[in-house]
Amino acid sequence: MLQRLYVDNYRCLVNFECTFGPAQLILGPNGAGKSTVFDVLDLLRDFCIDGAAPDGRFVGASRTRWQDVPRANIRT
């Protein structure tokens, strides 16, 4: 079971951490990143379970637009 999710510099998520329990409710206003969390979980499932290649899944267009981090410091 997934217990912790950490996402940084993906769409609207910057330094985002979520710990999961047996049942989890995700609430928030429009634009808070709820759908983005599910998109990340979907990408992780494709990568870990289905064996999908990570190439092209975490592209520059998915990076947080307002965060000014040089490309050299971004983990790929």
N, C-alpha and C. Protein backbone atom coordinates (compact mmCIF):
# COMPACT_ATOMS: atom_id res chain seq x y z
N MET A 1 0.84 -1.18 0.00
CA MET A 1 0.00 0.00 0.00
C MET A 1 0.89 1.25 0.00
N LEU A 2 0.52 2.20 -0.81
CA LEU A 2 1.24 3.46 -0.87
C LEU A 2 1.00 4.23 0.44
N GLN A 3 2.07 4.64 1.09
CA GLN A 3 1.94 5.34 2.36
C GLN A 3 2.32 6.81 2.28
N ARG A 4 3.19 7.16 1.32
CA ARG A 4 3.67 8.55 1.23
C ARG A 4 3.90 8.89 -0.23
N LEU A 5 3.52 10.11 -0.60
CA LEU A 5 3.74 10.62 -1.94
C LEU A 5 4.41 11.97 -1.82
N TYR A 6 5.53 12.13 -2.52
CA TYR A 6 6.24 13.41 -2.55
C TYR A 6 6.40 13.82 -4.01
N VAL A 7 5.97 15.05 -4.32
CA VAL A 7 6.04 15.57 -5.68
C VAL A 7 6.62 16.97 -5.62
N ASP A 8 7.59 17.25 -6.49
CA ASP A 8 8.16 18.59 -6.56
C ASP A 8 8.31 18.99 -8.02
N ASN A 9 7.84 20.18 -8.32
CA ASN A 9 7.99 20.77 -9.65
C ASN A 9 7.24 19.99 -10.72
N TYR A 10 6.01 19.62 -10.44
CA TYR A 10 5.15 18.98 -11.43
C TYR A 10 3.82 19.72 -11.43
N ARG A 11 3.50 20.33 -12.55
CA ARG A 11 2.31 21.16 -12.71
C ARG A 11 2.19 22.14 -11.56
N CYS A 12 1.14 22.06 -10.74
CA CYS A 12 0.96 23.04 -9.66
C CYS A 12 1.55 22.56 -8.34
N LEU A 13 2.18 21.40 -8.31
CA LEU A 13 2.69 20.84 -7.07
C LEU A 13 4.18 21.19 -6.88
N VAL A 14 4.44 21.93 -5.83
CA VAL A 14 5.81 22.31 -5.48
C VAL A 14 6.04 21.89 -4.04
N ASN A 15 7.02 21.02 -3.85
CA ASN A 15 7.35 20.52 -2.51
C ASN A 15 6.10 19.97 -1.82
N PHE A 16 5.35 19.15 -2.53
CA PHE A 16 4.09 18.59 -2.05
C PHE A 16 4.33 17.22 -1.43
N GLU A 17 3.80 17.00 -0.25
CA GLU A 17 3.92 15.71 0.41
C GLU A 17 2.56 15.32 0.98
N CYS A 18 2.21 14.07 0.80
CA CYS A 18 0.94 13.56 1.31
C CYS A 18 1.19 12.18 1.91
N THR A 19 0.72 11.96 3.11
CA THR A 19 0.79 10.64 3.72
C THR A 19 -0.61 10.05 3.70
N PHE A 20 -0.69 8.80 3.30
CA PHE A 20 -1.98 8.13 3.13
C PHE A 20 -2.25 7.18 4.28
N GLY A 21 -3.52 7.07 4.64
CA GLY A 21 -3.97 6.11 5.62
C GLY A 21 -4.79 5.03 4.92
N PRO A 22 -5.50 4.22 5.68
CA PRO A 22 -6.31 3.17 5.07
C PRO A 22 -7.40 3.72 4.15
N ALA A 23 -7.92 4.89 4.49
CA ALA A 23 -8.92 5.57 3.65
C ALA A 23 -8.52 7.04 3.60
N GLN A 24 -8.55 7.61 2.41
CA GLN A 24 -8.08 8.99 2.25
C GLN A 24 -9.11 9.79 1.48
N LEU A 25 -9.40 10.99 1.96
CA LEU A 25 -10.30 11.91 1.30
C LEU A 25 -9.48 13.10 0.83
N ILE A 26 -9.60 13.43 -0.44
CA ILE A 26 -8.84 14.55 -0.99
C ILE A 26 -9.83 15.66 -1.32
N LEU A 27 -9.71 16.76 -0.60
CA LEU A 27 -10.60 17.91 -0.76
C LEU A 27 -9.79 19.16 -1.05
N GLY A 28 -10.40 20.12 -1.70
CA GLY A 28 -9.74 21.39 -1.93
C GLY A 28 -10.51 22.21 -2.94
N PRO A 29 -10.20 23.50 -3.01
CA PRO A 29 -10.89 24.37 -3.97
C PRO A 29 -10.43 24.09 -5.41
N ASN A 30 -11.12 24.66 -6.36
CA ASN A 30 -10.73 24.53 -7.76
C ASN A 30 -9.30 25.04 -7.93
N GLY A 31 -8.51 24.30 -8.70
CA GLY A 31 -7.14 24.69 -8.97
C GLY A 31 -6.15 24.36 -7.88
N ALA A 32 -6.55 23.59 -6.88
CA ALA A 32 -5.67 23.26 -5.77
C ALA A 32 -4.70 22.12 -6.10
N GLY A 33 -5.01 21.32 -7.12
CA GLY A 33 -4.12 20.24 -7.51
C GLY A 33 -4.66 18.85 -7.25
N LYS A 34 -5.94 18.72 -6.96
CA LYS A 34 -6.51 17.39 -6.70
C LYS A 34 -6.35 16.47 -7.92
N SER A 35 -6.70 16.95 -9.08
CA SER A 35 -6.57 16.15 -10.30
C SER A 35 -5.11 15.85 -10.61
N THR A 36 -4.23 16.77 -10.30
CA THR A 36 -2.80 16.57 -10.54
C THR A 36 -2.28 15.44 -9.66
N VAL A 37 -2.75 15.33 -8.43
CA VAL A 37 -2.36 14.22 -7.55
C VAL A 37 -2.77 12.89 -8.18
N PHE A 38 -3.97 12.84 -8.72
CA PHE A 38 -4.42 11.60 -9.37
C PHE A 38 -3.65 11.33 -10.66
N ASP A 39 -3.26 12.37 -11.38
CA ASP A 39 -2.42 12.19 -12.57
C ASP A 39 -1.07 11.61 -12.20
N VAL A 40 -0.47 12.09 -11.11
CA VAL A 40 0.81 11.57 -10.64
C VAL A 40 0.67 10.11 -10.23
N LEU A 41 -0.39 9.78 -9.53
CA LEU A 41 -0.63 8.38 -9.13
C LEU A 41 -0.80 7.50 -10.36
N ASP A 42 -1.48 8.02 -11.39
CA ASP A 42 -1.65 7.27 -12.63
C ASP A 42 -0.31 7.04 -13.32
N LEU A 43 0.54 8.07 -13.37
CA LEU A 43 1.87 7.93 -13.96
C LEU A 43 2.71 6.92 -13.19
N LEU A 44 2.64 6.96 -11.88
CA LEU A 44 3.40 6.00 -11.06
C LEU A 44 2.92 4.58 -11.29
N ARG A 45 1.61 4.41 -11.40
CA ARG A 45 1.07 3.08 -11.67
C ARG A 45 1.56 2.56 -13.01
N ASP A 46 1.51 3.42 -14.03
CA ASP A 46 1.97 3.01 -15.36
C ASP A 46 3.44 2.61 -15.32
N PHE A 47 4.24 3.36 -14.58
CA PHE A 47 5.67 3.11 -14.50
C PHE A 47 5.99 1.86 -13.68
N CYS A 48 5.38 1.73 -12.51
CA CYS A 48 5.72 0.63 -11.58
C CYS A 48 5.05 -0.69 -11.92
N ILE A 49 3.79 -0.64 -12.29
CA ILE A 49 3.05 -1.89 -12.49
C ILE A 49 3.06 -2.32 -13.96
N ASP A 50 2.77 -1.37 -14.85
CA ASP A 50 2.68 -1.71 -16.27
C ASP A 50 4.03 -1.73 -16.96
N GLY A 51 5.07 -1.19 -16.30
CA GLY A 51 6.41 -1.18 -16.88
C GLY A 51 6.59 -0.16 -17.99
N ALA A 52 5.76 0.87 -18.00
CA ALA A 52 5.86 1.91 -19.03
C ALA A 52 7.17 2.68 -18.88
N ALA A 53 7.76 3.06 -19.99
CA ALA A 53 9.00 3.83 -19.97
C ALA A 53 8.70 5.26 -19.51
N PRO A 54 9.59 5.85 -18.70
CA PRO A 54 9.35 7.21 -18.23
C PRO A 54 9.60 8.27 -19.29
N ASP A 55 10.19 7.89 -20.41
CA ASP A 55 10.51 8.84 -21.47
C ASP A 55 9.24 9.53 -21.96
N GLY A 56 9.27 10.84 -21.97
CA GLY A 56 8.15 11.62 -22.47
C GLY A 56 7.01 11.82 -21.49
N ARG A 57 7.09 11.23 -20.33
CA ARG A 57 5.99 11.38 -19.36
C ARG A 57 6.20 12.57 -18.43
N PHE A 58 7.42 12.87 -18.11
CA PHE A 58 7.73 14.02 -17.25
C PHE A 58 8.51 15.03 -18.08
N VAL A 59 7.83 15.64 -19.00
CA VAL A 59 8.45 16.57 -19.93
C VAL A 59 8.46 17.98 -19.36
N GLY A 60 9.21 18.86 -20.01
CA GLY A 60 9.33 20.24 -19.55
C GLY A 60 8.00 20.96 -19.43
N ALA A 61 7.02 20.62 -20.26
CA ALA A 61 5.71 21.28 -20.20
C ALA A 61 4.97 20.98 -18.90
N SER A 62 5.33 19.89 -18.22
CA SER A 62 4.66 19.53 -16.97
C SER A 62 5.30 20.18 -15.75
N ARG A 63 6.44 20.86 -15.96
CA ARG A 63 7.11 21.52 -14.84
C ARG A 63 6.30 22.72 -14.37
N THR A 64 6.44 23.05 -13.11
CA THR A 64 5.76 24.20 -12.54
C THR A 64 6.27 25.46 -13.22
N ARG A 65 5.36 26.25 -13.78
CA ARG A 65 5.75 27.40 -14.59
C ARG A 65 6.33 28.54 -13.77
N TRP A 66 5.84 28.75 -12.58
CA TRP A 66 6.29 29.91 -11.80
C TRP A 66 7.52 29.62 -10.95
N GLN A 67 7.95 28.38 -10.87
CA GLN A 67 9.13 28.05 -10.08
C GLN A 67 10.37 28.22 -10.95
N ASP A 68 11.28 29.04 -10.51
CA ASP A 68 12.48 29.35 -11.29
C ASP A 68 13.65 28.49 -10.80
N VAL A 69 13.68 27.23 -11.24
CA VAL A 69 14.73 26.30 -10.86
C VAL A 69 15.51 25.95 -12.12
N PRO A 70 16.83 26.11 -12.09
CA PRO A 70 17.62 25.75 -13.27
C PRO A 70 17.47 24.26 -13.60
N ARG A 71 17.54 23.92 -14.86
CA ARG A 71 17.38 22.54 -15.30
C ARG A 71 18.41 21.60 -14.67
N ALA A 72 19.59 22.09 -14.37
CA ALA A 72 20.65 21.25 -13.80
C ALA A 72 20.27 20.71 -12.44
N ASN A 73 19.41 21.40 -11.70
CA ASN A 73 19.03 20.97 -10.35
C ASN A 73 17.81 20.07 -10.33
N ILE A 74 17.19 19.82 -11.45
CA ILE A 74 15.98 19.02 -11.51
C ILE A 74 16.36 17.57 -11.70
N ARG A 75 15.84 16.71 -10.84
CA ARG A 75 16.09 15.29 -10.95
C ARG A 75 15.21 14.72 -12.03
N THR A 76 15.79 13.86 -12.86
CA THR A 76 14.99 13.23 -13.92
C THR A 76 14.90 11.75 -13.70
